mmCIF file of all heavy atoms, coordinates in Angstrom:
data_MODEL
# 
_entry.id   MODEL 
# 
loop_
_atom_site.group_PDB 
_atom_site.id 
_atom_site.type_symbol 
_atom_site.label_atom_id 
_atom_site.label_alt_id 
_atom_site.label_comp_id 
_atom_site.label_asym_id 
_atom_site.label_entity_id 
_atom_site.label_seq_id 
_atom_site.pdbx_PDB_ins_code 
_atom_site.Cartn_x 
_atom_site.Cartn_y 
_atom_site.Cartn_z 
_atom_site.occupancy 
_atom_site.B_iso_or_equiv 
_atom_site.pdbx_formal_charge 
_atom_site.auth_seq_id 
_atom_site.auth_comp_id 
_atom_site.auth_asym_id 
_atom_site.auth_atom_id 
_atom_site.pdbx_PDB_model_num 
ATOM 1   N N   . LEU A 1 1  ? 134.776 153.680 147.366 1.00 0.00 ? 1  LEU A N   1 
ATOM 2   C CA  . LEU A 1 1  ? 134.108 152.823 146.409 1.00 0.00 ? 1  LEU A CA  1 
ATOM 3   C C   . LEU A 1 1  ? 134.232 151.392 146.864 1.00 0.00 ? 1  LEU A C   1 
ATOM 4   O O   . LEU A 1 1  ? 135.277 150.870 147.272 1.00 0.00 ? 1  LEU A O   1 
ATOM 5   C CB  . LEU A 1 1  ? 134.787 152.936 145.025 1.00 0.00 ? 1  LEU A CB  1 
ATOM 6   C CG  . LEU A 1 1  ? 134.259 152.097 143.909 1.00 0.00 ? 1  LEU A CG  1 
ATOM 7   C CD1 . LEU A 1 1  ? 134.380 152.755 142.515 1.00 0.00 ? 1  LEU A CD1 1 
ATOM 8   C CD2 . LEU A 1 1  ? 134.778 150.663 143.806 1.00 0.00 ? 1  LEU A CD2 1 
ATOM 9   N N   . SER A 1 2  ? 132.942 150.744 146.762 1.00 0.00 ? 2  SER A N   1 
ATOM 10  C CA  . SER A 1 2  ? 132.894 149.368 147.114 1.00 0.00 ? 2  SER A CA  1 
ATOM 11  C C   . SER A 1 2  ? 132.046 148.713 145.998 1.00 0.00 ? 2  SER A C   1 
ATOM 12  O O   . SER A 1 2  ? 130.844 149.010 145.857 1.00 0.00 ? 2  SER A O   1 
ATOM 13  C CB  . SER A 1 2  ? 132.331 149.067 148.458 1.00 0.00 ? 2  SER A CB  1 
ATOM 14  O OG  . SER A 1 2  ? 132.350 147.664 148.822 1.00 0.00 ? 2  SER A OG  1 
ATOM 15  N N   . ALA A 1 3  ? 132.630 147.854 145.140 1.00 0.00 ? 3  ALA A N   1 
ATOM 16  C CA  . ALA A 1 3  ? 131.866 147.331 144.035 1.00 0.00 ? 3  ALA A CA  1 
ATOM 17  C C   . ALA A 1 3  ? 131.115 146.094 144.474 1.00 0.00 ? 3  ALA A C   1 
ATOM 18  O O   . ALA A 1 3  ? 131.528 145.391 145.440 1.00 0.00 ? 3  ALA A O   1 
ATOM 19  C CB  . ALA A 1 3  ? 132.936 146.981 142.897 1.00 0.00 ? 3  ALA A CB  1 
ATOM 20  N N   . MET A 1 4  ? 129.997 145.883 143.727 1.00 0.00 ? 4  MET A N   1 
ATOM 21  C CA  . MET A 1 4  ? 129.186 144.599 144.074 1.00 0.00 ? 4  MET A CA  1 
ATOM 22  C C   . MET A 1 4  ? 128.926 143.978 142.743 1.00 0.00 ? 4  MET A C   1 
ATOM 23  O O   . MET A 1 4  ? 128.781 144.562 141.719 1.00 0.00 ? 4  MET A O   1 
ATOM 24  C CB  . MET A 1 4  ? 127.854 145.010 144.707 1.00 0.00 ? 4  MET A CB  1 
ATOM 25  C CG  . MET A 1 4  ? 127.086 146.078 144.047 1.00 0.00 ? 4  MET A CG  1 
ATOM 26  S SD  . MET A 1 4  ? 125.585 146.513 144.940 1.00 0.00 ? 4  MET A SD  1 
ATOM 27  C CE  . MET A 1 4  ? 125.061 147.916 144.013 1.00 0.00 ? 4  MET A CE  1 
ATOM 28  N N   . ARG A 1 5  ? 128.868 142.606 142.814 1.00 0.00 ? 5  ARG A N   1 
ATOM 29  C CA  . ARG A 1 5  ? 128.634 141.875 141.601 1.00 0.00 ? 5  ARG A CA  1 
ATOM 30  C C   . ARG A 1 5  ? 127.223 141.935 141.069 1.00 0.00 ? 5  ARG A C   1 
ATOM 31  O O   . ARG A 1 5  ? 126.943 142.030 139.966 1.00 0.00 ? 5  ARG A O   1 
ATOM 32  C CB  . ARG A 1 5  ? 128.996 140.392 141.941 1.00 0.00 ? 5  ARG A CB  1 
ATOM 33  C CG  . ARG A 1 5  ? 128.877 139.434 140.710 1.00 0.00 ? 5  ARG A CG  1 
ATOM 34  C CD  . ARG A 1 5  ? 129.124 138.034 141.104 1.00 0.00 ? 5  ARG A CD  1 
ATOM 35  N NE  . ARG A 1 5  ? 128.310 137.571 142.211 1.00 0.00 ? 5  ARG A NE  1 
ATOM 36  C CZ  . ARG A 1 5  ? 128.437 136.355 142.727 1.00 0.00 ? 5  ARG A CZ  1 
ATOM 37  N NH1 . ARG A 1 5  ? 129.348 135.473 142.338 1.00 0.00 ? 5  ARG A NH1 1 
ATOM 38  N NH2 . ARG A 1 5  ? 127.658 135.958 143.742 1.00 0.00 ? 5  ARG A NH2 1 
ATOM 39  N N   . ASP A 1 6  ? 126.232 141.911 142.120 1.00 0.00 ? 6  ASP A N   1 
ATOM 40  C CA  . ASP A 1 6  ? 124.804 142.133 141.740 1.00 0.00 ? 6  ASP A CA  1 
ATOM 41  C C   . ASP A 1 6  ? 124.138 142.749 143.000 1.00 0.00 ? 6  ASP A C   1 
ATOM 42  O O   . ASP A 1 6  ? 124.711 142.971 143.984 1.00 0.00 ? 6  ASP A O   1 
ATOM 43  C CB  . ASP A 1 6  ? 124.286 140.816 141.354 1.00 0.00 ? 6  ASP A CB  1 
ATOM 44  C CG  . ASP A 1 6  ? 124.457 139.744 142.258 1.00 0.00 ? 6  ASP A CG  1 
ATOM 45  O OD1 . ASP A 1 6  ? 124.308 139.943 143.539 1.00 0.00 ? 6  ASP A OD1 1 
ATOM 46  O OD2 . ASP A 1 6  ? 124.845 138.586 141.906 1.00 0.00 ? 6  ASP A OD2 1 
ATOM 47  N N   . GLU A 1 7  ? 122.811 142.887 142.876 1.00 0.00 ? 7  GLU A N   1 
ATOM 48  C CA  . GLU A 1 7  ? 122.030 143.463 143.969 1.00 0.00 ? 7  GLU A CA  1 
ATOM 49  C C   . GLU A 1 7  ? 122.074 142.671 145.187 1.00 0.00 ? 7  GLU A C   1 
ATOM 50  O O   . GLU A 1 7  ? 121.818 143.286 146.288 1.00 0.00 ? 7  GLU A O   1 
ATOM 51  C CB  . GLU A 1 7  ? 120.604 143.612 143.457 1.00 0.00 ? 7  GLU A CB  1 
ATOM 52  C CG  . GLU A 1 7  ? 120.408 144.726 142.433 1.00 0.00 ? 7  GLU A CG  1 
ATOM 53  C CD  . GLU A 1 7  ? 120.664 146.079 143.028 1.00 0.00 ? 7  GLU A CD  1 
ATOM 54  O OE1 . GLU A 1 7  ? 120.424 146.275 144.186 1.00 0.00 ? 7  GLU A OE1 1 
ATOM 55  O OE2 . GLU A 1 7  ? 121.088 146.909 142.182 1.00 0.00 ? 7  GLU A OE2 1 
ATOM 56  N N   . SER A 1 8  ? 122.399 141.486 145.191 1.00 0.00 ? 8  SER A N   1 
ATOM 57  C CA  . SER A 1 8  ? 122.456 140.612 146.399 1.00 0.00 ? 8  SER A CA  1 
ATOM 58  C C   . SER A 1 8  ? 123.539 141.173 147.376 1.00 0.00 ? 8  SER A C   1 
ATOM 59  O O   . SER A 1 8  ? 123.600 140.842 148.569 1.00 0.00 ? 8  SER A O   1 
ATOM 60  C CB  . SER A 1 8  ? 122.635 139.078 146.026 1.00 0.00 ? 8  SER A CB  1 
ATOM 61  O OG  . SER A 1 8  ? 123.903 138.922 145.573 1.00 0.00 ? 8  SER A OG  1 
ATOM 62  N N   . GLU A 1 9  ? 124.497 141.784 146.760 1.00 0.00 ? 9  GLU A N   1 
ATOM 63  C CA  . GLU A 1 9  ? 125.640 142.295 147.649 1.00 0.00 ? 9  GLU A CA  1 
ATOM 64  C C   . GLU A 1 9  ? 125.529 143.708 148.020 1.00 0.00 ? 9  GLU A C   1 
ATOM 65  O O   . GLU A 1 9  ? 126.463 144.308 148.524 1.00 0.00 ? 9  GLU A O   1 
ATOM 66  C CB  . GLU A 1 9  ? 126.946 142.010 146.858 1.00 0.00 ? 9  GLU A CB  1 
ATOM 67  C CG  . GLU A 1 9  ? 127.199 140.537 146.581 1.00 0.00 ? 9  GLU A CG  1 
ATOM 68  C CD  . GLU A 1 9  ? 128.537 140.365 145.873 1.00 0.00 ? 9  GLU A CD  1 
ATOM 69  O OE1 . GLU A 1 9  ? 129.002 141.278 145.241 1.00 0.00 ? 9  GLU A OE1 1 
ATOM 70  O OE2 . GLU A 1 9  ? 129.129 139.243 145.952 1.00 0.00 ? 9  GLU A OE2 1 
ATOM 71  N N   . ARG A 1 10 ? 124.449 144.379 147.644 1.00 0.00 ? 10 ARG A N   1 
ATOM 72  C CA  . ARG A 1 10 ? 124.306 145.797 147.863 1.00 0.00 ? 10 ARG A CA  1 
ATOM 73  C C   . ARG A 1 10 ? 124.452 146.207 149.348 1.00 0.00 ? 10 ARG A C   1 
ATOM 74  O O   . ARG A 1 10 ? 125.243 147.162 149.726 1.00 0.00 ? 10 ARG A O   1 
ATOM 75  C CB  . ARG A 1 10 ? 122.883 146.330 147.411 1.00 0.00 ? 10 ARG A CB  1 
ATOM 76  C CG  . ARG A 1 10 ? 122.734 147.791 147.687 1.00 0.00 ? 10 ARG A CG  1 
ATOM 77  C CD  . ARG A 1 10 ? 121.509 148.372 146.922 1.00 0.00 ? 10 ARG A CD  1 
ATOM 78  N NE  . ARG A 1 10 ? 121.636 148.281 145.539 1.00 0.00 ? 10 ARG A NE  1 
ATOM 79  C CZ  . ARG A 1 10 ? 122.204 149.238 144.834 1.00 0.00 ? 10 ARG A CZ  1 
ATOM 80  N NH1 . ARG A 1 10 ? 122.940 150.195 145.407 1.00 0.00 ? 10 ARG A NH1 1 
ATOM 81  N NH2 . ARG A 1 10 ? 122.320 149.098 143.510 1.00 0.00 ? 10 ARG A NH2 1 
ATOM 82  N N   . GLU A 1 11 ? 123.830 145.449 150.226 1.00 0.00 ? 11 GLU A N   1 
ATOM 83  C CA  . GLU A 1 11 ? 123.845 145.823 151.644 1.00 0.00 ? 11 GLU A CA  1 
ATOM 84  C C   . GLU A 1 11 ? 125.351 145.826 152.171 1.00 0.00 ? 11 GLU A C   1 
ATOM 85  O O   . GLU A 1 11 ? 125.779 146.765 152.852 1.00 0.00 ? 11 GLU A O   1 
ATOM 86  C CB  . GLU A 1 11 ? 123.114 144.850 152.457 1.00 0.00 ? 11 GLU A CB  1 
ATOM 87  C CG  . GLU A 1 11 ? 123.018 145.215 153.952 1.00 0.00 ? 11 GLU A CG  1 
ATOM 88  C CD  . GLU A 1 11 ? 122.197 144.319 154.736 1.00 0.00 ? 11 GLU A CD  1 
ATOM 89  O OE1 . GLU A 1 11 ? 121.508 143.520 154.135 1.00 0.00 ? 11 GLU A OE1 1 
ATOM 90  O OE2 . GLU A 1 11 ? 122.074 144.364 155.967 1.00 0.00 ? 11 GLU A OE2 1 
ATOM 91  N N   . GLU A 1 12 ? 126.098 144.757 151.786 1.00 0.00 ? 12 GLU A N   1 
ATOM 92  C CA  . GLU A 1 12 ? 127.431 144.697 152.289 1.00 0.00 ? 12 GLU A CA  1 
ATOM 93  C C   . GLU A 1 12 ? 128.322 145.770 151.673 1.00 0.00 ? 12 GLU A C   1 
ATOM 94  O O   . GLU A 1 12 ? 129.078 146.430 152.340 1.00 0.00 ? 12 GLU A O   1 
ATOM 95  C CB  . GLU A 1 12 ? 127.983 143.330 151.804 1.00 0.00 ? 12 GLU A CB  1 
ATOM 96  C CG  . GLU A 1 12 ? 129.419 143.027 152.433 1.00 0.00 ? 12 GLU A CG  1 
ATOM 97  C CD  . GLU A 1 12 ? 129.927 141.637 152.050 1.00 0.00 ? 12 GLU A CD  1 
ATOM 98  O OE1 . GLU A 1 12 ? 129.748 141.235 150.942 1.00 0.00 ? 12 GLU A OE1 1 
ATOM 99  O OE2 . GLU A 1 12 ? 130.505 140.967 152.934 1.00 0.00 ? 12 GLU A OE2 1 
ATOM 100 N N   . ALA A 1 13 ? 128.081 146.022 150.325 1.00 0.00 ? 13 ALA A N   1 
ATOM 101 C CA  . ALA A 1 13 ? 128.917 147.045 149.679 1.00 0.00 ? 13 ALA A CA  1 
ATOM 102 C C   . ALA A 1 13 ? 128.671 148.375 150.265 1.00 0.00 ? 13 ALA A C   1 
ATOM 103 O O   . ALA A 1 13 ? 129.643 149.199 150.509 1.00 0.00 ? 13 ALA A O   1 
ATOM 104 C CB  . ALA A 1 13 ? 128.657 147.014 148.242 1.00 0.00 ? 13 ALA A CB  1 
ATOM 105 N N   . GLU A 1 14 ? 127.375 148.748 150.446 1.00 0.00 ? 14 GLU A N   1 
ATOM 106 C CA  . GLU A 1 14 ? 127.010 150.039 151.015 1.00 0.00 ? 14 GLU A CA  1 
ATOM 107 C C   . GLU A 1 14 ? 127.635 150.134 152.457 1.00 0.00 ? 14 GLU A C   1 
ATOM 108 O O   . GLU A 1 14 ? 127.975 151.243 152.973 1.00 0.00 ? 14 GLU A O   1 
ATOM 109 C CB  . GLU A 1 14 ? 125.455 150.206 151.111 1.00 0.00 ? 14 GLU A CB  1 
ATOM 110 C CG  . GLU A 1 14 ? 124.925 150.382 149.666 1.00 0.00 ? 14 GLU A CG  1 
ATOM 111 C CD  . GLU A 1 14 ? 123.432 150.538 149.721 1.00 0.00 ? 14 GLU A CD  1 
ATOM 112 O OE1 . GLU A 1 14 ? 122.817 150.277 150.768 1.00 0.00 ? 14 GLU A OE1 1 
ATOM 113 O OE2 . GLU A 1 14 ? 122.883 150.963 148.588 1.00 0.00 ? 14 GLU A OE2 1 
ATOM 114 N N   . ASN A 1 15 ? 127.573 149.008 153.201 1.00 0.00 ? 15 ASN A N   1 
ATOM 115 C CA  . ASN A 1 15 ? 128.140 149.039 154.661 1.00 0.00 ? 15 ASN A CA  1 
ATOM 116 C C   . ASN A 1 15 ? 129.668 149.380 154.576 1.00 0.00 ? 15 ASN A C   1 
ATOM 117 O O   . ASN A 1 15 ? 130.081 150.297 155.281 1.00 0.00 ? 15 ASN A O   1 
ATOM 118 C CB  . ASN A 1 15 ? 127.859 147.646 155.235 1.00 0.00 ? 15 ASN A CB  1 
ATOM 119 C CG  . ASN A 1 15 ? 128.422 147.586 156.636 1.00 0.00 ? 15 ASN A CG  1 
ATOM 120 O OD1 . ASN A 1 15 ? 128.153 148.497 157.485 1.00 0.00 ? 15 ASN A OD1 1 
ATOM 121 N ND2 . ASN A 1 15 ? 129.393 146.749 156.918 1.00 0.00 ? 15 ASN A ND2 1 
ATOM 122 N N   . PHE A 1 16 ? 130.394 148.801 153.657 1.00 0.00 ? 16 PHE A N   1 
ATOM 123 C CA  . PHE A 1 16 ? 131.878 149.116 153.572 1.00 0.00 ? 16 PHE A CA  1 
ATOM 124 C C   . PHE A 1 16 ? 132.021 150.561 153.120 1.00 0.00 ? 16 PHE A C   1 
ATOM 125 O O   . PHE A 1 16 ? 132.886 151.262 153.770 1.00 0.00 ? 16 PHE A O   1 
ATOM 126 C CB  . PHE A 1 16 ? 132.498 148.183 152.494 1.00 0.00 ? 16 PHE A CB  1 
ATOM 127 C CG  . PHE A 1 16 ? 132.618 146.763 152.951 1.00 0.00 ? 16 PHE A CG  1 
ATOM 128 C CD1 . PHE A 1 16 ? 132.422 145.688 151.946 1.00 0.00 ? 16 PHE A CD1 1 
ATOM 129 C CD2 . PHE A 1 16 ? 132.849 146.405 154.282 1.00 0.00 ? 16 PHE A CD2 1 
ATOM 130 C CE1 . PHE A 1 16 ? 132.523 144.421 152.319 1.00 0.00 ? 16 PHE A CE1 1 
ATOM 131 C CE2 . PHE A 1 16 ? 132.933 145.016 154.700 1.00 0.00 ? 16 PHE A CE2 1 
ATOM 132 C CZ  . PHE A 1 16 ? 132.731 144.017 153.670 1.00 0.00 ? 16 PHE A CZ  1 
ATOM 133 N N   . ALA A 1 17 ? 131.300 150.959 152.102 1.00 0.00 ? 17 ALA A N   1 
ATOM 134 C CA  . ALA A 1 17 ? 131.518 152.378 151.658 1.00 0.00 ? 17 ALA A CA  1 
ATOM 135 C C   . ALA A 1 17 ? 131.078 153.450 152.628 1.00 0.00 ? 17 ALA A C   1 
ATOM 136 O O   . ALA A 1 17 ? 131.780 154.412 152.833 1.00 0.00 ? 17 ALA A O   1 
ATOM 137 C CB  . ALA A 1 17 ? 130.820 152.501 150.317 1.00 0.00 ? 17 ALA A CB  1 
ATOM 138 N N   . ASN A 1 18 ? 129.979 153.099 153.287 1.00 0.00 ? 18 ASN A N   1 
ATOM 139 C CA  . ASN A 1 18 ? 129.403 154.131 154.253 1.00 0.00 ? 18 ASN A CA  1 
ATOM 140 C C   . ASN A 1 18 ? 130.291 154.307 155.477 1.00 0.00 ? 18 ASN A C   1 
ATOM 141 O O   . ASN A 1 18 ? 130.495 155.324 156.022 1.00 0.00 ? 18 ASN A O   1 
ATOM 142 C CB  . ASN A 1 18 ? 128.041 153.731 154.633 1.00 0.00 ? 18 ASN A CB  1 
ATOM 143 C CG  . ASN A 1 18 ? 127.000 154.041 153.549 1.00 0.00 ? 18 ASN A CG  1 
ATOM 144 O OD1 . ASN A 1 18 ? 127.270 154.811 152.602 1.00 0.00 ? 18 ASN A OD1 1 
ATOM 145 N ND2 . ASN A 1 18 ? 125.907 153.252 153.572 1.00 0.00 ? 18 ASN A ND2 1 
ATOM 146 N N   . LYS A 1 19 ? 130.853 153.077 155.853 1.00 0.00 ? 19 LYS A N   1 
ATOM 147 C CA  . LYS A 1 19 ? 131.761 153.092 157.087 1.00 0.00 ? 19 LYS A CA  1 
ATOM 148 C C   . LYS A 1 19 ? 133.049 153.946 156.711 1.00 0.00 ? 19 LYS A C   1 
ATOM 149 O O   . LYS A 1 19 ? 133.571 154.689 157.561 1.00 0.00 ? 19 LYS A O   1 
ATOM 150 C CB  . LYS A 1 19 ? 132.191 151.671 157.432 1.00 0.00 ? 19 LYS A CB  1 
ATOM 151 C CG  . LYS A 1 19 ? 133.034 151.658 158.661 1.00 0.00 ? 19 LYS A CG  1 
ATOM 152 C CD  . LYS A 1 19 ? 133.316 150.224 159.064 1.00 0.00 ? 19 LYS A CD  1 
ATOM 153 C CE  . LYS A 1 19 ? 134.202 150.140 160.260 1.00 0.00 ? 19 LYS A CE  1 
ATOM 154 N NZ  . LYS A 1 19 ? 134.509 148.746 160.659 1.00 0.00 ? 19 LYS A NZ  1 
ATOM 155 N N   . ALA A 1 20 ? 133.507 153.793 155.455 1.00 0.00 ? 20 ALA A N   1 
ATOM 156 C CA  . ALA A 1 20 ? 134.656 154.664 155.039 1.00 0.00 ? 20 ALA A CA  1 
ATOM 157 C C   . ALA A 1 20 ? 134.408 156.011 155.048 1.00 0.00 ? 20 ALA A C   1 
ATOM 158 O O   . ALA A 1 20 ? 135.142 156.875 155.577 1.00 0.00 ? 20 ALA A O   1 
ATOM 159 C CB  . ALA A 1 20 ? 135.154 154.183 153.633 1.00 0.00 ? 20 ALA A CB  1 
ATOM 160 N N   . VAL A 1 21 ? 133.275 156.477 154.681 1.00 0.00 ? 21 VAL A N   1 
ATOM 161 C CA  . VAL A 1 21 ? 132.791 157.801 154.612 1.00 0.00 ? 21 VAL A CA  1 
ATOM 162 C C   . VAL A 1 21 ? 132.701 158.403 156.015 1.00 0.00 ? 21 VAL A C   1 
ATOM 163 O O   . VAL A 1 21 ? 133.196 159.505 156.375 1.00 0.00 ? 21 VAL A O   1 
ATOM 164 C CB  . VAL A 1 21 ? 131.410 158.018 153.918 1.00 0.00 ? 21 VAL A CB  1 
ATOM 165 C CG1 . VAL A 1 21 ? 130.861 159.348 154.069 1.00 0.00 ? 21 VAL A CG1 1 
ATOM 166 C CG2 . VAL A 1 21 ? 131.645 157.812 152.376 1.00 0.00 ? 21 VAL A CG2 1 
ATOM 167 N N   . GLU A 1 22 ? 132.147 157.568 156.918 1.00 0.00 ? 22 GLU A N   1 
ATOM 168 C CA  . GLU A 1 22 ? 131.996 158.033 158.277 1.00 0.00 ? 22 GLU A CA  1 
ATOM 169 C C   . GLU A 1 22 ? 133.278 158.287 158.931 1.00 0.00 ? 22 GLU A C   1 
ATOM 170 O O   . GLU A 1 22 ? 133.547 159.279 159.619 1.00 0.00 ? 22 GLU A O   1 
ATOM 171 C CB  . GLU A 1 22 ? 131.222 156.913 159.041 1.00 0.00 ? 22 GLU A CB  1 
ATOM 172 C CG  . GLU A 1 22 ? 131.044 157.197 160.539 1.00 0.00 ? 22 GLU A CG  1 
ATOM 173 C CD  . GLU A 1 22 ? 130.380 156.094 161.280 1.00 0.00 ? 22 GLU A CD  1 
ATOM 174 O OE1 . GLU A 1 22 ? 129.887 155.190 160.647 1.00 0.00 ? 22 GLU A OE1 1 
ATOM 175 O OE2 . GLU A 1 22 ? 130.253 156.179 162.571 1.00 0.00 ? 22 GLU A OE2 1 
ATOM 176 N N   . LEU A 1 23 ? 134.244 157.448 158.659 1.00 0.00 ? 23 LEU A N   1 
ATOM 177 C CA  . LEU A 1 23 ? 135.725 157.607 159.203 1.00 0.00 ? 23 LEU A CA  1 
ATOM 178 C C   . LEU A 1 23 ? 136.252 158.881 158.643 1.00 0.00 ? 23 LEU A C   1 
ATOM 179 O O   . LEU A 1 23 ? 137.003 159.595 159.332 1.00 0.00 ? 23 LEU A O   1 
ATOM 180 C CB  . LEU A 1 23 ? 136.519 156.414 158.908 1.00 0.00 ? 23 LEU A CB  1 
ATOM 181 C CG  . LEU A 1 23 ? 136.162 155.054 159.686 1.00 0.00 ? 23 LEU A CG  1 
ATOM 182 C CD1 . LEU A 1 23 ? 137.002 153.913 159.158 1.00 0.00 ? 23 LEU A CD1 1 
ATOM 183 C CD2 . LEU A 1 23 ? 136.424 155.234 161.130 1.00 0.00 ? 23 LEU A CD2 1 
ATOM 184 N N   . ALA A 1 24 ? 136.090 159.078 157.403 1.00 0.00 ? 24 ALA A N   1 
ATOM 185 C CA  . ALA A 1 24 ? 136.648 160.279 156.661 1.00 0.00 ? 24 ALA A CA  1 
ATOM 186 C C   . ALA A 1 24 ? 136.059 161.540 157.282 1.00 0.00 ? 24 ALA A C   1 
ATOM 187 O O   . ALA A 1 24 ? 136.710 162.555 157.644 1.00 0.00 ? 24 ALA A O   1 
ATOM 188 C CB  . ALA A 1 24 ? 136.531 160.152 155.211 1.00 0.00 ? 24 ALA A CB  1 
ATOM 189 N N   . GLN A 1 25 ? 134.774 161.497 157.463 1.00 0.00 ? 25 GLN A N   1 
ATOM 190 C CA  . GLN A 1 25 ? 134.088 162.743 157.954 1.00 0.00 ? 25 GLN A CA  1 
ATOM 191 C C   . GLN A 1 25 ? 134.490 163.101 159.440 1.00 0.00 ? 25 GLN A C   1 
ATOM 192 O O   . GLN A 1 25 ? 134.455 164.256 159.779 1.00 0.00 ? 25 GLN A O   1 
ATOM 193 C CB  . GLN A 1 25 ? 132.607 162.566 157.819 1.00 0.00 ? 25 GLN A CB  1 
ATOM 194 C CG  . GLN A 1 25 ? 132.099 162.568 156.275 1.00 0.00 ? 25 GLN A CG  1 
ATOM 195 C CD  . GLN A 1 25 ? 130.653 162.369 156.125 1.00 0.00 ? 25 GLN A CD  1 
ATOM 196 O OE1 . GLN A 1 25 ? 129.932 161.875 156.974 1.00 0.00 ? 25 GLN A OE1 1 
ATOM 197 N NE2 . GLN A 1 25 ? 130.153 162.700 154.992 1.00 0.00 ? 25 GLN A NE2 1 
ATOM 198 N N   . LYS A 1 26 ? 134.785 162.032 160.133 1.00 0.00 ? 26 LYS A N   1 
ATOM 199 C CA  . LYS A 1 26 ? 135.215 162.205 161.499 1.00 0.00 ? 26 LYS A CA  1 
ATOM 200 C C   . LYS A 1 26 ? 136.545 163.044 161.497 1.00 0.00 ? 26 LYS A C   1 
ATOM 201 O O   . LYS A 1 26 ? 136.882 163.679 162.576 1.00 0.00 ? 26 LYS A O   1 
ATOM 202 C CB  . LYS A 1 26 ? 135.361 160.884 162.323 1.00 0.00 ? 26 LYS A CB  1 
ATOM 203 C CG  . LYS A 1 26 ? 134.070 160.331 162.730 1.00 0.00 ? 26 LYS A CG  1 
ATOM 204 C CD  . LYS A 1 26 ? 134.269 159.015 163.492 1.00 0.00 ? 26 LYS A CD  1 
ATOM 205 C CE  . LYS A 1 26 ? 132.941 158.455 163.923 1.00 0.00 ? 26 LYS A CE  1 
ATOM 206 N NZ  . LYS A 1 26 ? 133.231 157.133 164.659 1.00 0.00 ? 26 LYS A NZ  1 
ATOM 207 N N   . GLU A 1 27 ? 137.283 162.879 160.514 1.00 0.00 ? 27 GLU A N   1 
ATOM 208 C CA  . GLU A 1 27 ? 138.543 163.580 160.340 1.00 0.00 ? 27 GLU A CA  1 
ATOM 209 C C   . GLU A 1 27 ? 138.394 164.962 159.552 1.00 0.00 ? 27 GLU A C   1 
ATOM 210 O O   . GLU A 1 27 ? 139.296 165.558 159.295 1.00 0.00 ? 27 GLU A O   1 
ATOM 211 C CB  . GLU A 1 27 ? 139.524 162.692 159.619 1.00 0.00 ? 27 GLU A CB  1 
ATOM 212 C CG  . GLU A 1 27 ? 140.009 161.477 160.387 1.00 0.00 ? 27 GLU A CG  1 
ATOM 213 C CD  . GLU A 1 27 ? 140.671 161.748 161.635 1.00 0.00 ? 27 GLU A CD  1 
ATOM 214 O OE1 . GLU A 1 27 ? 141.434 162.709 161.638 1.00 0.00 ? 27 GLU A OE1 1 
ATOM 215 O OE2 . GLU A 1 27 ? 140.464 161.005 162.706 1.00 0.00 ? 27 GLU A OE2 1 
ATOM 216 N N   . GLY A 1 28 ? 137.161 165.308 159.361 1.00 0.00 ? 28 GLY A N   1 
ATOM 217 C CA  . GLY A 1 28 ? 136.967 166.559 158.660 1.00 0.00 ? 28 GLY A CA  1 
ATOM 218 C C   . GLY A 1 28 ? 137.166 166.558 157.156 1.00 0.00 ? 28 GLY A C   1 
ATOM 219 O O   . GLY A 1 28 ? 137.326 167.606 156.535 1.00 0.00 ? 28 GLY A O   1 
# 
C-alpha cells in the first residue's frame, strides 16, 4: 500500500507500490 493525498501523487504512489509487488513476486 502506498497512500496518496490526491490524484497529483498517483504516479509516485503507483511507482512505490508496483515496485514492492515486483520485488515480492521475484521471491515467489
